ModelCIF file with pLDDT and N, C-alpha, C, O atoms, coordinates in Angstrom:
data_MODEL
#
_entry.id   MODEL 
#
_entity.id                         1 
_entity.type                       polymer 
_entity.pdbx_number_of_molecules   1 
#
_entity_poly.entity_id                      1 
_entity_poly.type                           'polypeptide(L)' 
_entity_poly.nstd_linkage                   no 
_entity_poly.nstd_monomer                   no 
_entity_poly.pdbx_seq_one_letter_code       CAALYRWWCARGRFAEAELAHSRSLEACGARDPALRARAFHSHAY 
_entity_poly.pdbx_seq_one_letter_code_can   CAALYRWWCARGRFAEAELAHSRSLEACGARDPALRARAFHSHAY 
_entity_poly.pdbx_strand_id                 A 
#
loop_
_entity_poly_seq.entity_id 
_entity_poly_seq.num 
_entity_poly_seq.mon_id 
_entity_poly_seq.hetero 
1 1  CYS n 
1 2  ALA n 
1 3  ALA n 
1 4  LEU n 
1 5  TYR n 
1 6  ARG n 
1 7  TRP n 
1 8  TRP n 
1 9  CYS n 
1 10 ALA n 
1 11 ARG n 
1 12 GLY n 
1 13 ARG n 
1 14 PHE n 
1 15 ALA n 
1 16 GLU n 
1 17 ALA n 
1 18 GLU n 
1 19 LEU n 
1 20 ALA n 
1 21 HIS n 
1 22 SER n 
1 23 ARG n 
1 24 SER n 
1 25 LEU n 
1 26 GLU n 
1 27 ALA n 
1 28 CYS n 
1 29 GLY n 
1 30 ALA n 
1 31 ARG n 
1 32 ASP n 
1 33 PRO n 
1 34 ALA n 
1 35 LEU n 
1 36 ARG n 
1 37 ALA n 
1 38 ARG n 
1 39 ALA n 
1 40 PHE n 
1 41 HIS n 
1 42 SER n 
1 43 HIS n 
1 44 ALA n 
1 45 TYR n 
#
_struct_asym.id          A 
_struct_asym.entity_id   1 
#
loop_
_ma_qa_metric.id 
_ma_qa_metric.mode 
_ma_qa_metric.name 
_ma_qa_metric.software_group_id 
_ma_qa_metric.type 
1 global pLDDT . pLDDT 
2 local  pLDDT . pLDDT 
#
_ma_qa_metric_global.metric_id      1 
_ma_qa_metric_global.metric_value   92.16 
_ma_qa_metric_global.model_id       1 
_ma_qa_metric_global.ordinal_id     1 
#
loop_
_ma_qa_metric_local.label_asym_id 
_ma_qa_metric_local.label_comp_id 
_ma_qa_metric_local.label_seq_id 
_ma_qa_metric_local.metric_id 
_ma_qa_metric_local.metric_value 
_ma_qa_metric_local.model_id 
_ma_qa_metric_local.ordinal_id 
A CYS 1  2 90.00 1 1  
A ALA 2  2 87.00 1 2  
A ALA 3  2 91.00 1 3  
A LEU 4  2 92.00 1 4  
A TYR 5  2 91.00 1 5  
A ARG 6  2 89.00 1 6  
A TRP 7  2 94.00 1 7  
A TRP 8  2 94.00 1 8  
A CYS 9  2 91.00 1 9  
A ALA 10 2 92.00 1 10 
A ARG 11 2 95.00 1 11 
A GLY 12 2 93.00 1 12 
A ARG 13 2 95.00 1 13 
A PHE 14 2 94.00 1 14 
A ALA 15 2 94.00 1 15 
A GLU 16 2 95.00 1 16 
A ALA 17 2 95.00 1 17 
A GLU 18 2 93.00 1 18 
A LEU 19 2 95.00 1 19 
A ALA 20 2 95.00 1 20 
A HIS 21 2 95.00 1 21 
A SER 22 2 93.00 1 22 
A ARG 23 2 94.00 1 23 
A SER 24 2 92.00 1 24 
A LEU 25 2 92.00 1 25 
A GLU 26 2 92.00 1 26 
A ALA 27 2 90.00 1 27 
A CYS 28 2 84.00 1 28 
A GLY 29 2 83.00 1 29 
A ALA 30 2 83.00 1 30 
A ARG 31 2 85.00 1 31 
A ASP 32 2 91.00 1 32 
A PRO 33 2 94.00 1 33 
A ALA 34 2 93.00 1 34 
A LEU 35 2 93.00 1 35 
A ARG 36 2 94.00 1 36 
A ALA 37 2 94.00 1 37 
A ARG 38 2 93.00 1 38 
A ALA 39 2 94.00 1 39 
A PHE 40 2 94.00 1 40 
A HIS 41 2 94.00 1 41 
A SER 42 2 94.00 1 42 
A HIS 43 2 95.00 1 43 
A ALA 44 2 94.00 1 44 
A TYR 45 2 92.00 1 45 
#
loop_
_atom_site.group_PDB 
_atom_site.id 
_atom_site.type_symbol 
_atom_site.label_atom_id 
_atom_site.label_alt_id 
_atom_site.label_comp_id 
_atom_site.label_asym_id 
_atom_site.label_entity_id 
_atom_site.label_seq_id 
_atom_site.pdbx_PDB_ins_code 
_atom_site.Cartn_x 
_atom_site.Cartn_y 
_atom_site.Cartn_z 
_atom_site.occupancy 
_atom_site.B_iso_or_equiv 
_atom_site.pdbx_formal_charge 
_atom_site.auth_seq_id 
_atom_site.auth_comp_id 
_atom_site.auth_asym_id 
_atom_site.auth_atom_id 
_atom_site.pdbx_PDB_model_num 
ATOM 1   N N  . CYS A 1 1  ? 0.851   -1.198 0.107   1.00 90.00 ? 1  CYS A N  1 
ATOM 2   C CA . CYS A 1 1  ? 0.036   0.088  -0.065  1.00 90.00 ? 1  CYS A CA 1 
ATOM 3   C C  . CYS A 1 1  ? 0.872   1.274  0.053   1.00 90.00 ? 1  CYS A C  1 
ATOM 4   O O  . CYS A 1 1  ? 0.549   2.278  -0.581  1.00 90.00 ? 1  CYS A O  1 
ATOM 5   N N  . ALA A 1 2  ? 1.883   1.276  0.773   1.00 87.00 ? 2  ALA A N  1 
ATOM 6   C CA . ALA A 1 2  ? 2.793   2.480  0.928   1.00 87.00 ? 2  ALA A CA 1 
ATOM 7   C C  . ALA A 1 2  ? 3.482   2.675  -0.433  1.00 87.00 ? 2  ALA A C  1 
ATOM 8   O O  . ALA A 1 2  ? 3.858   3.805  -0.747  1.00 87.00 ? 2  ALA A O  1 
ATOM 9   N N  . ALA A 1 3  ? 3.667   1.622  -1.261  1.00 91.00 ? 3  ALA A N  1 
ATOM 10  C CA . ALA A 1 3  ? 4.387   1.772  -2.519  1.00 91.00 ? 3  ALA A CA 1 
ATOM 11  C C  . ALA A 1 3  ? 3.395   2.166  -3.704  1.00 91.00 ? 3  ALA A C  1 
ATOM 12  O O  . ALA A 1 3  ? 3.778   2.752  -4.717  1.00 91.00 ? 3  ALA A O  1 
ATOM 13  N N  . LEU A 1 4  ? 2.138   1.798  -3.476  1.00 92.00 ? 4  LEU A N  1 
ATOM 14  C CA . LEU A 1 4  ? 1.199   1.932  -4.657  1.00 92.00 ? 4  LEU A CA 1 
ATOM 15  C C  . LEU A 1 4  ? 0.220   3.094  -4.566  1.00 92.00 ? 4  LEU A C  1 
ATOM 16  O O  . LEU A 1 4  ? -0.534  3.316  -5.513  1.00 92.00 ? 4  LEU A O  1 
ATOM 17  N N  . TYR A 1 5  ? 0.199   3.840  -3.475  1.00 91.00 ? 5  TYR A N  1 
ATOM 18  C CA . TYR A 1 5  ? -0.834  4.840  -3.185  1.00 91.00 ? 5  TYR A CA 1 
ATOM 19  C C  . TYR A 1 5  ? -0.931  5.937  -4.319  1.00 91.00 ? 5  TYR A C  1 
ATOM 20  O O  . TYR A 1 5  ? -2.005  6.416  -4.683  1.00 91.00 ? 5  TYR A O  1 
ATOM 21  N N  . ARG A 1 6  ? 0.256   6.273  -4.821  1.00 89.00 ? 6  ARG A N  1 
ATOM 22  C CA . ARG A 1 6  ? 0.203   7.318  -5.788  1.00 89.00 ? 6  ARG A CA 1 
ATOM 23  C C  . ARG A 1 6  ? -0.384  6.793  -7.178  1.00 89.00 ? 6  ARG A C  1 
ATOM 24  O O  . ARG A 1 6  ? -1.108  7.494  -7.884  1.00 89.00 ? 6  ARG A O  1 
ATOM 25  N N  . TRP A 1 7  ? -0.029  5.586  -7.475  1.00 94.00 ? 7  TRP A N  1 
ATOM 26  C CA . TRP A 1 7  ? -0.502  4.882  -8.618  1.00 94.00 ? 7  TRP A CA 1 
ATOM 27  C C  . TRP A 1 7  ? -2.022  4.800  -8.594  1.00 94.00 ? 7  TRP A C  1 
ATOM 28  O O  . TRP A 1 7  ? -2.699  5.122  -9.570  1.00 94.00 ? 7  TRP A O  1 
ATOM 29  N N  . TRP A 1 8  ? -2.537  4.361  -7.452  1.00 94.00 ? 8  TRP A N  1 
ATOM 30  C CA . TRP A 1 8  ? -3.984  4.249  -7.281  1.00 94.00 ? 8  TRP A CA 1 
ATOM 31  C C  . TRP A 1 8  ? -4.700  5.611  -7.474  1.00 94.00 ? 8  TRP A C  1 
ATOM 32  O O  . TRP A 1 8  ? -5.731  5.702  -8.141  1.00 94.00 ? 8  TRP A O  1 
ATOM 33  N N  . CYS A 1 9  ? -4.120  6.643  -6.873  1.00 91.00 ? 9  CYS A N  1 
ATOM 34  C CA . CYS A 1 9  ? -4.668  7.973  -7.038  1.00 91.00 ? 9  CYS A CA 1 
ATOM 35  C C  . CYS A 1 9  ? -4.705  8.527  -8.448  1.00 91.00 ? 9  CYS A C  1 
ATOM 36  O O  . CYS A 1 9  ? -5.688  9.107  -8.911  1.00 91.00 ? 9  CYS A O  1 
ATOM 37  N N  . ALA A 1 10 ? -3.548  8.307  -9.115  1.00 92.00 ? 10 ALA A N  1 
ATOM 38  C CA . ALA A 1 10 ? -3.429  8.823  -10.448 1.00 92.00 ? 10 ALA A CA 1 
ATOM 39  C C  . ALA A 1 10 ? -4.408  8.124  -11.505 1.00 92.00 ? 10 ALA A C  1 
ATOM 40  O O  . ALA A 1 10 ? -4.799  8.666  -12.539 1.00 92.00 ? 10 ALA A O  1 
ATOM 41  N N  . ARG A 1 11 ? -4.726  6.890  -11.098 1.00 95.00 ? 11 ARG A N  1 
ATOM 42  C CA . ARG A 1 11 ? -5.695  6.229  -12.035 1.00 95.00 ? 11 ARG A CA 1 
ATOM 43  C C  . ARG A 1 11 ? -7.142  6.248  -11.543 1.00 95.00 ? 11 ARG A C  1 
ATOM 44  O O  . ARG A 1 11 ? -8.025  5.716  -12.215 1.00 95.00 ? 11 ARG A O  1 
ATOM 45  N N  . GLY A 1 12 ? -7.399  6.859  -10.366 1.00 93.00 ? 12 GLY A N  1 
ATOM 46  C CA . GLY A 1 12 ? -8.678  6.995  -9.734  1.00 93.00 ? 12 GLY A CA 1 
ATOM 47  C C  . GLY A 1 12 ? -9.310  5.786  -9.188  1.00 93.00 ? 12 GLY A C  1 
ATOM 48  O O  . GLY A 1 12 ? -10.530 5.623  -9.165  1.00 93.00 ? 12 GLY A O  1 
ATOM 49  N N  . ARG A 1 13 ? -8.440  4.938  -8.747  1.00 95.00 ? 13 ARG A N  1 
ATOM 50  C CA . ARG A 1 13 ? -8.759  3.653  -8.265  1.00 95.00 ? 13 ARG A CA 1 
ATOM 51  C C  . ARG A 1 13 ? -8.888  3.641  -6.690  1.00 95.00 ? 13 ARG A C  1 
ATOM 52  O O  . ARG A 1 13 ? -8.241  2.885  -5.966  1.00 95.00 ? 13 ARG A O  1 
ATOM 53  N N  . PHE A 1 14 ? -9.813  4.583  -6.248  1.00 94.00 ? 14 PHE A N  1 
ATOM 54  C CA . PHE A 1 14 ? -9.871  4.779  -4.823  1.00 94.00 ? 14 PHE A CA 1 
ATOM 55  C C  . PHE A 1 14 ? -10.544 3.677  -4.051  1.00 94.00 ? 14 PHE A C  1 
ATOM 56  O O  . PHE A 1 14 ? -10.141 3.384  -2.925  1.00 94.00 ? 14 PHE A O  1 
ATOM 57  N N  . ALA A 1 15 ? -11.491 3.097  -4.581  1.00 94.00 ? 15 ALA A N  1 
ATOM 58  C CA . ALA A 1 15 ? -12.131 1.894  -3.829  1.00 94.00 ? 15 ALA A CA 1 
ATOM 59  C C  . ALA A 1 15 ? -11.142 0.722  -3.656  1.00 94.00 ? 15 ALA A C  1 
ATOM 60  O O  . ALA A 1 15 ? -11.071 0.110  -2.590  1.00 94.00 ? 15 ALA A O  1 
ATOM 61  N N  . GLU A 1 16 ? -10.387 0.425  -4.718  1.00 95.00 ? 16 GLU A N  1 
ATOM 62  C CA . GLU A 1 16 ? -9.422  -0.595 -4.596  1.00 95.00 ? 16 GLU A CA 1 
ATOM 63  C C  . GLU A 1 16 ? -8.320  -0.252 -3.570  1.00 95.00 ? 16 GLU A C  1 
ATOM 64  O O  . GLU A 1 16 ? -7.906  -1.136 -2.819  1.00 95.00 ? 16 GLU A O  1 
ATOM 65  N N  . ALA A 1 17 ? -7.831  1.013  -3.517  1.00 95.00 ? 17 ALA A N  1 
ATOM 66  C CA . ALA A 1 17 ? -6.839  1.518  -2.600  1.00 95.00 ? 17 ALA A CA 1 
ATOM 67  C C  . ALA A 1 17 ? -7.461  1.381  -1.143  1.00 95.00 ? 17 ALA A C  1 
ATOM 68  O O  . ALA A 1 17 ? -6.842  0.847  -0.223  1.00 95.00 ? 17 ALA A O  1 
ATOM 69  N N  . GLU A 1 18 ? -8.658  1.878  -1.025  1.00 93.00 ? 18 GLU A N  1 
ATOM 70  C CA . GLU A 1 18 ? -9.247  1.753  0.380   1.00 93.00 ? 18 GLU A CA 1 
ATOM 71  C C  . GLU A 1 18 ? -9.376  0.298  0.851   1.00 93.00 ? 18 GLU A C  1 
ATOM 72  O O  . GLU A 1 18 ? -9.123  -0.012 2.015   1.00 93.00 ? 18 GLU A O  1 
ATOM 73  N N  . LEU A 1 19 ? -9.751  -0.538 -0.020  1.00 95.00 ? 19 LEU A N  1 
ATOM 74  C CA . LEU A 1 19 ? -9.910  -1.976 0.425   1.00 95.00 ? 19 LEU A CA 1 
ATOM 75  C C  . LEU A 1 19 ? -8.556  -2.458 0.802   1.00 95.00 ? 19 LEU A C  1 
ATOM 76  O O  . LEU A 1 19 ? -8.391  -2.996 1.897   1.00 95.00 ? 19 LEU A O  1 
ATOM 77  N N  . ALA A 1 20 ? -7.548  -2.294 -0.061  1.00 95.00 ? 20 ALA A N  1 
ATOM 78  C CA . ALA A 1 20 ? -6.186  -2.718 0.269   1.00 95.00 ? 20 ALA A CA 1 
ATOM 79  C C  . ALA A 1 20 ? -5.667  -2.269 1.571   1.00 95.00 ? 20 ALA A C  1 
ATOM 80  O O  . ALA A 1 20 ? -5.192  -3.063 2.383   1.00 95.00 ? 20 ALA A O  1 
ATOM 81  N N  . HIS A 1 21 ? -5.761  -0.890 1.794   1.00 95.00 ? 21 HIS A N  1 
ATOM 82  C CA . HIS A 1 21 ? -5.349  -0.306 2.995   1.00 95.00 ? 21 HIS A CA 1 
ATOM 83  C C  . HIS A 1 21 ? -6.037  -0.890 4.225   1.00 95.00 ? 21 HIS A C  1 
ATOM 84  O O  . HIS A 1 21 ? -5.386  -1.287 5.192   1.00 95.00 ? 21 HIS A O  1 
ATOM 85  N N  . SER A 1 22 ? -7.403  -0.933 4.165   1.00 93.00 ? 22 SER A N  1 
ATOM 86  C CA . SER A 1 22 ? -8.161  -1.425 5.347   1.00 93.00 ? 22 SER A CA 1 
ATOM 87  C C  . SER A 1 22 ? -7.759  -2.912 5.564   1.00 93.00 ? 22 SER A C  1 
ATOM 88  O O  . SER A 1 22 ? -7.594  -3.277 6.728   1.00 93.00 ? 22 SER A O  1 
ATOM 89  N N  . ARG A 1 23 ? -7.595  -3.760 4.602   1.00 94.00 ? 23 ARG A N  1 
ATOM 90  C CA . ARG A 1 23 ? -7.315  -5.163 4.867   1.00 94.00 ? 23 ARG A CA 1 
ATOM 91  C C  . ARG A 1 23 ? -5.906  -5.238 5.453   1.00 94.00 ? 23 ARG A C  1 
ATOM 92  O O  . ARG A 1 23 ? -5.655  -5.932 6.439   1.00 94.00 ? 23 ARG A O  1 
ATOM 93  N N  . SER A 1 24 ? -4.974  -4.483 4.799   1.00 92.00 ? 24 SER A N  1 
ATOM 94  C CA . SER A 1 24 ? -3.534  -4.543 5.246   1.00 92.00 ? 24 SER A CA 1 
ATOM 95  C C  . SER A 1 24 ? -3.370  -4.132 6.688   1.00 92.00 ? 24 SER A C  1 
ATOM 96  O O  . SER A 1 24 ? -2.721  -4.833 7.465   1.00 92.00 ? 24 SER A O  1 
ATOM 97  N N  . LEU A 1 25 ? -3.950  -3.004 7.058   1.00 92.00 ? 25 LEU A N  1 
ATOM 98  C CA . LEU A 1 25 ? -3.848  -2.437 8.395   1.00 92.00 ? 25 LEU A CA 1 
ATOM 99  C C  . LEU A 1 25 ? -4.453  -3.391 9.408   1.00 92.00 ? 25 LEU A C  1 
ATOM 100 O O  . LEU A 1 25 ? -3.928  -3.555 10.509  1.00 92.00 ? 25 LEU A O  1 
ATOM 101 N N  . GLU A 1 26 ? -5.551  -4.014 9.034   1.00 92.00 ? 26 GLU A N  1 
ATOM 102 C CA . GLU A 1 26 ? -6.281  -4.929 9.957   1.00 92.00 ? 26 GLU A CA 1 
ATOM 103 C C  . GLU A 1 26 ? -5.390  -6.155 10.128  1.00 92.00 ? 26 GLU A C  1 
ATOM 104 O O  . GLU A 1 26 ? -5.243  -6.650 11.245  1.00 92.00 ? 26 GLU A O  1 
ATOM 105 N N  . ALA A 1 27 ? -4.783  -6.664 9.030   1.00 90.00 ? 27 ALA A N  1 
ATOM 106 C CA . ALA A 1 27 ? -4.075  -7.859 8.986   1.00 90.00 ? 27 ALA A CA 1 
ATOM 107 C C  . ALA A 1 27 ? -2.757  -7.783 9.881   1.00 90.00 ? 27 ALA A C  1 
ATOM 108 O O  . ALA A 1 27 ? -2.379  -8.748 10.546  1.00 90.00 ? 27 ALA A O  1 
ATOM 109 N N  . CYS A 1 28 ? -2.113  -6.610 9.849   1.00 84.00 ? 28 CYS A N  1 
ATOM 110 C CA . CYS A 1 28 ? -0.805  -6.501 10.528  1.00 84.00 ? 28 CYS A CA 1 
ATOM 111 C C  . CYS A 1 28 ? -0.958  -6.233 11.969  1.00 84.00 ? 28 CYS A C  1 
ATOM 112 O O  . CYS A 1 28 ? 0.007   -6.443 12.705  1.00 84.00 ? 28 CYS A O  1 
ATOM 113 N N  . GLY A 1 29 ? -2.124  -5.769 12.473  1.00 83.00 ? 29 GLY A N  1 
ATOM 114 C CA . GLY A 1 29 ? -2.313  -5.525 13.860  1.00 83.00 ? 29 GLY A CA 1 
ATOM 115 C C  . GLY A 1 29 ? -1.392  -4.435 14.291  1.00 83.00 ? 29 GLY A C  1 
ATOM 116 O O  . GLY A 1 29 ? -1.226  -3.448 13.574  1.00 83.00 ? 29 GLY A O  1 
ATOM 117 N N  . ALA A 1 30 ? -0.764  -4.582 15.479  1.00 83.00 ? 30 ALA A N  1 
ATOM 118 C CA . ALA A 1 30 ? 0.128   -3.600 16.029  1.00 83.00 ? 30 ALA A CA 1 
ATOM 119 C C  . ALA A 1 30 ? 1.573   -3.879 15.748  1.00 83.00 ? 30 ALA A C  1 
ATOM 120 O O  . ALA A 1 30 ? 2.450   -3.189 16.268  1.00 83.00 ? 30 ALA A O  1 
ATOM 121 N N  . ARG A 1 31 ? 1.856   -4.910 14.909  1.00 85.00 ? 31 ARG A N  1 
ATOM 122 C CA . ARG A 1 31 ? 3.213   -5.127 14.425  1.00 85.00 ? 31 ARG A CA 1 
ATOM 123 C C  . ARG A 1 31 ? 3.706   -4.041 13.648  1.00 85.00 ? 31 ARG A C  1 
ATOM 124 O O  . ARG A 1 31 ? 2.955   -3.386 12.925  1.00 85.00 ? 31 ARG A O  1 
ATOM 125 N N  . ASP A 1 32 ? 5.059   -3.784 13.764  1.00 91.00 ? 32 ASP A N  1 
ATOM 126 C CA . ASP A 1 32 ? 5.866   -2.875 12.930  1.00 91.00 ? 32 ASP A CA 1 
ATOM 127 C C  . ASP A 1 32 ? 5.201   -1.493 12.860  1.00 91.00 ? 32 ASP A C  1 
ATOM 128 O O  . ASP A 1 32 ? 4.587   -1.174 11.842  1.00 91.00 ? 32 ASP A O  1 
ATOM 129 N N  . PRO A 1 33 ? 5.303   -0.677 13.893  1.00 94.00 ? 33 PRO A N  1 
ATOM 130 C CA . PRO A 1 33 ? 4.731   0.580  13.906  1.00 94.00 ? 33 PRO A CA 1 
ATOM 131 C C  . PRO A 1 33 ? 5.142   1.536  12.766  1.00 94.00 ? 33 PRO A C  1 
ATOM 132 O O  . PRO A 1 33 ? 4.371   2.359  12.273  1.00 94.00 ? 33 PRO A O  1 
ATOM 133 N N  . ALA A 1 34 ? 6.421   1.357  12.392  1.00 93.00 ? 34 ALA A N  1 
ATOM 134 C CA . ALA A 1 34 ? 7.013   2.247  11.319  1.00 93.00 ? 34 ALA A CA 1 
ATOM 135 C C  . ALA A 1 34 ? 6.297   1.987  10.047  1.00 93.00 ? 34 ALA A C  1 
ATOM 136 O O  . ALA A 1 34 ? 5.881   2.933  9.379   1.00 93.00 ? 34 ALA A O  1 
ATOM 137 N N  . LEU A 1 35 ? 6.127   0.726  9.668   1.00 93.00 ? 35 LEU A N  1 
ATOM 138 C CA . LEU A 1 35 ? 5.422   0.376  8.495   1.00 93.00 ? 35 LEU A CA 1 
ATOM 139 C C  . LEU A 1 35 ? 3.898   0.803  8.530   1.00 93.00 ? 35 LEU A C  1 
ATOM 140 O O  . LEU A 1 35 ? 3.305   1.202  7.527   1.00 93.00 ? 35 LEU A O  1 
ATOM 141 N N  . ARG A 1 36 ? 3.347   0.687  9.729   1.00 94.00 ? 36 ARG A N  1 
ATOM 142 C CA . ARG A 1 36 ? 1.885   1.112  9.912   1.00 94.00 ? 36 ARG A CA 1 
ATOM 143 C C  . ARG A 1 36 ? 1.798   2.602  9.762   1.00 94.00 ? 36 ARG A C  1 
ATOM 144 O O  . ARG A 1 36 ? 0.788   3.100  9.264   1.00 94.00 ? 36 ARG A O  1 
ATOM 145 N N  . ALA A 1 37 ? 2.829   3.357  10.175  1.00 94.00 ? 37 ALA A N  1 
ATOM 146 C CA . ALA A 1 37 ? 2.763   4.840  9.970   1.00 94.00 ? 37 ALA A CA 1 
ATOM 147 C C  . ALA A 1 37 ? 2.718   5.209  8.521   1.00 94.00 ? 37 ALA A C  1 
ATOM 148 O O  . ALA A 1 37 ? 1.959   6.080  8.097   1.00 94.00 ? 37 ALA A O  1 
ATOM 149 N N  . ARG A 1 38 ? 3.610   4.475  7.709   1.00 93.00 ? 38 ARG A N  1 
ATOM 150 C CA . ARG A 1 38 ? 3.712   4.724  6.300   1.00 93.00 ? 38 ARG A CA 1 
ATOM 151 C C  . ARG A 1 38 ? 2.359   4.330  5.653   1.00 93.00 ? 38 ARG A C  1 
ATOM 152 O O  . ARG A 1 38 ? 1.876   5.006  4.744   1.00 93.00 ? 38 ARG A O  1 
ATOM 153 N N  . ALA A 1 39 ? 1.774   3.244  6.133   1.00 94.00 ? 39 ALA A N  1 
ATOM 154 C CA . ALA A 1 39 ? 0.475   2.831  5.514   1.00 94.00 ? 39 ALA A CA 1 
ATOM 155 C C  . ALA A 1 39 ? -0.585  3.852  5.893   1.00 94.00 ? 39 ALA A C  1 
ATOM 156 O O  . ALA A 1 39 ? -1.349  4.279  5.027   1.00 94.00 ? 39 ALA A O  1 
ATOM 157 N N  . PHE A 1 40 ? -0.656  4.246  7.113   1.00 94.00 ? 40 PHE A N  1 
ATOM 158 C CA . PHE A 1 40 ? -1.612  5.284  7.442   1.00 94.00 ? 40 PHE A CA 1 
ATOM 159 C C  . PHE A 1 40 ? -1.482  6.563  6.677   1.00 94.00 ? 40 PHE A C  1 
ATOM 160 O O  . PHE A 1 40 ? -2.467  7.173  6.261   1.00 94.00 ? 40 PHE A O  1 
ATOM 161 N N  . HIS A 1 41 ? -0.239  6.961  6.499   1.00 94.00 ? 41 HIS A N  1 
ATOM 162 C CA . HIS A 1 41 ? -0.027  8.201  5.674   1.00 94.00 ? 41 HIS A CA 1 
ATOM 163 C C  . HIS A 1 41 ? -0.504  7.989  4.243   1.00 94.00 ? 41 HIS A C  1 
ATOM 164 O O  . HIS A 1 41 ? -1.174  8.871  3.707   1.00 94.00 ? 41 HIS A O  1 
ATOM 165 N N  . SER A 1 42 ? -0.197  6.870  3.598   1.00 94.00 ? 42 SER A N  1 
ATOM 166 C CA . SER A 1 42 ? -0.690  6.621  2.305   1.00 94.00 ? 42 SER A CA 1 
ATOM 167 C C  . SER A 1 42 ? -2.226  6.541  2.251   1.00 94.00 ? 42 SER A C  1 
ATOM 168 O O  . SER A 1 42 ? -2.827  7.027  1.293   1.00 94.00 ? 42 SER A O  1 
ATOM 169 N N  . HIS A 1 43 ? -2.827  5.974  3.202   1.00 95.00 ? 43 HIS A N  1 
ATOM 170 C CA . HIS A 1 43 ? -4.295  5.826  3.414   1.00 95.00 ? 43 HIS A CA 1 
ATOM 171 C C  . HIS A 1 43 ? -4.871  7.291  3.377   1.00 95.00 ? 43 HIS A C  1 
ATOM 172 O O  . HIS A 1 43 ? -5.862  7.549  2.693   1.00 95.00 ? 43 HIS A O  1 
ATOM 173 N N  . ALA A 1 44 ? -4.256  8.196  4.096   1.00 94.00 ? 44 ALA A N  1 
ATOM 174 C CA . ALA A 1 44 ? -4.696  9.518  4.200   1.00 94.00 ? 44 ALA A CA 1 
ATOM 175 C C  . ALA A 1 44 ? -4.604  10.287 2.898   1.00 94.00 ? 44 ALA A C  1 
ATOM 176 O O  . ALA A 1 44 ? -5.487  11.059 2.527   1.00 94.00 ? 44 ALA A O  1 
ATOM 177 N N  . TYR A 1 45 ? -3.467  10.035 2.208   1.00 92.00 ? 45 TYR A N  1 
ATOM 178 C CA . TYR A 1 45 ? -3.277  10.512 0.868   1.00 92.00 ? 45 TYR A CA 1 
ATOM 179 C C  . TYR A 1 45 ? -4.426  10.136 -0.116  1.00 92.00 ? 45 TYR A C  1 
ATOM 180 O O  . TYR A 1 45 ? -4.372  10.492 -1.293  1.00 92.00 ? 45 TYR A O  1 
#
């Protein structure tokens, strides 16, 4: 998600990006807060 968020936005694929972010953040739980921070930033974008 942190790698693809700009690609999703440039192509207007917001629903796909939302689903990927939601599932990824849910699946990783509290592990790796640095990666979660990047994922939350891309989700905000």
